């Protein structure tokens, strides 16, 4: 696997406007969760959004035992 750590900053691939828009869209409206960006050889290849929802039970719905 090639390392890009020693490359000067001006030779690194810049994020495109389309990629940035997709990341922003993934974050929009997300209250609880994560956005994971997968990069291979300096290129974004996948964006995953995981959203968590908590279901709260009201006092009236609890059964007394």
C-alpha atoms as a PDB file:
ATOM      1  CA  UNK A   1       0.000   0.000   0.000  1.00  0.00           C
ATOM      2  CA  UNK A   2       1.320   3.427  -0.917  1.00  0.00           C
ATOM      3  CA  UNK A   3       1.684   6.109   1.737  1.00  0.00           C
ATOM      4  CA  UNK A   4       0.786   9.705   0.888  1.00  0.00           C
ATOM      5  CA  UNK A   5       2.177  11.176   4.134  1.00  0.00           C
ATOM      6  CA  UNK A   6       5.318  12.516   2.473  1.00  0.00           C
ATOM      7  CA  UNK A   7       3.526  14.156  -0.452  1.00  0.00           C
ATOM      8  CA  UNK A   8       3.535  17.953  -0.486  1.00  0.00           C
ATOM      9  CA  UNK A   9       0.062  19.395   0.264  1.00  0.00           C
ATOM     10  CA  UNK A  10      -0.293  20.864  -3.246  1.00  0.00           C
ATOM     11  CA  UNK A  11      -0.011  17.368  -4.814  1.00  0.00           C
ATOM     12  CA  UNK A  12      -2.775  15.847  -2.700  1.00  0.00           C
ATOM     13  CA  UNK A  13      -6.173  15.414  -4.292  1.00  0.00           C
ATOM     14  CA  UNK A  14      -8.653  18.037  -3.112  1.00  0.00           C
ATOM     15  CA  UNK A  15     -12.197  17.146  -2.146  1.00  0.00           C
ATOM     16  CA  UNK A  16     -14.629  18.001  -4.931  1.00  0.00           C
ATOM     17  CA  UNK A  17     -17.707  20.186  -4.548  1.00  0.00           C
ATOM     18  CA  UNK A  18     -19.874  17.143  -5.285  1.00  0.00           C
ATOM     19  CA  UNK A  19     -18.201  15.093  -2.540  1.00  0.00           C
ATOM     20  CA  UNK A  20     -18.532  17.958  -0.070  1.00  0.00           C
ATOM     21  CA  UNK A  21     -22.215  18.340  -0.959  1.00  0.00           C
ATOM     22  CA  UNK A  22     -22.834  14.616  -0.364  1.00  0.00           C
ATOM     23  CA  UNK A  23     -21.119  14.814   3.043  1.00  0.00           C
ATOM     24  CA  UNK A  24     -23.165  17.888   3.995  1.00  0.00           C
ATOM     25  CA  UNK A  25     -26.365  16.157   2.817  1.00  0.00           C
ATOM     26  CA  UNK A  26     -25.501  13.149   4.986  1.00  0.00           C
ATOM     27  CA  UNK A  27     -25.093  15.400   8.028  1.00  0.00           C
ATOM     28  CA  UNK A  28     -28.238  17.433   7.385  1.00  0.00           C
ATOM     29  CA  UNK A  29     -30.975  16.583   9.857  1.00  0.00           C
ATOM     30  CA  UNK A  30     -28.848  14.032  11.719  1.00  0.00           C
ATOM     31  CA  UNK A  31     -29.505  14.369  15.461  1.00  0.00           C
ATOM     32  CA  UNK A  32     -27.964  11.142  16.785  1.00  0.00           C
ATOM     33  CA  UNK A  33     -25.725   8.909  14.736  1.00  0.00           C
ATOM     34  CA  UNK A  34     -22.616   8.916  12.583  1.00  0.00           C
ATOM     35  CA  UNK A  35     -21.364   9.684   9.107  1.00  0.00           C
ATOM     36  CA  UNK A  36     -18.491   7.451   8.023  1.00  0.00           C
ATOM     37  CA  UNK A  37     -16.358   8.339   5.004  1.00  0.00           C
ATOM     38  CA  UNK A  38     -14.369   5.528   3.391  1.00  0.00           C
ATOM     39  CA  UNK A  39     -11.239   6.600   1.493  1.00  0.00           C
ATOM     40  CA  UNK A  40      -9.066   4.421  -0.743  1.00  0.00           C
ATOM     41  CA  UNK A  41      -5.853   5.761  -2.279  1.00  0.00           C
ATOM     42  CA  UNK A  42      -6.854   9.300  -1.352  1.00  0.00           C
ATOM     43  CA  UNK A  43     -10.259   9.053  -3.035  1.00  0.00           C
ATOM     44  CA  UNK A  44     -13.632   9.029  -1.266  1.00  0.00           C
ATOM     45  CA  UNK A  45     -15.296   5.796  -2.353  1.00  0.00           C
ATOM     46  CA  UNK A  46     -18.201   5.530   0.094  1.00  0.00           C
ATOM     47  CA  UNK A  47     -20.237   7.606   2.554  1.00  0.00           C
ATOM     48  CA  UNK A  48     -22.352   5.786   5.159  1.00  0.00           C
ATOM     49  CA  UNK A  49     -24.950   7.434   7.377  1.00  0.00           C
ATOM     50  CA  UNK A  50     -26.151   5.659  10.493  1.00  0.00           C
ATOM     51  CA  UNK A  51     -29.017   7.266  12.340  1.00  0.00           C
ATOM     52  CA  UNK A  52     -30.151   6.269  15.814  1.00  0.00           C
ATOM     53  CA  UNK A  53     -33.657   6.686  17.080  1.00  0.00           C
ATOM     54  CA  UNK A  54     -34.556   6.289  20.736  1.00  0.00           C
ATOM     55  CA  UNK A  55     -38.068   5.103  21.475  1.00  0.00           C
ATOM     56  CA  UNK A  56     -39.282   6.457  24.764  1.00  0.00           C
ATOM     57  CA  UNK A  57     -42.093   4.706  26.520  1.00  0.00           C
ATOM     58  CA  UNK A  58     -44.522   6.925  28.344  1.00  0.00           C
ATOM     59  CA  UNK A  59     -45.554   6.209  31.934  1.00  0.00           C
ATOM     60  CA  UNK A  60     -49.052   5.266  30.716  1.00  0.00           C
ATOM     61  CA  UNK A  61     -47.726   2.478  28.482  1.00  0.00           C
ATOM     62  CA  UNK A  62     -45.766   0.696  31.209  1.00  0.00           C
ATOM     63  CA  UNK A  63     -47.369  -2.376  32.677  1.00  0.00           C
ATOM     64  CA  UNK A  64     -47.439  -2.702  36.447  1.00  0.00           C
ATOM     65  CA  UNK A  65     -46.357  -6.115  37.685  1.00  0.00           C
END
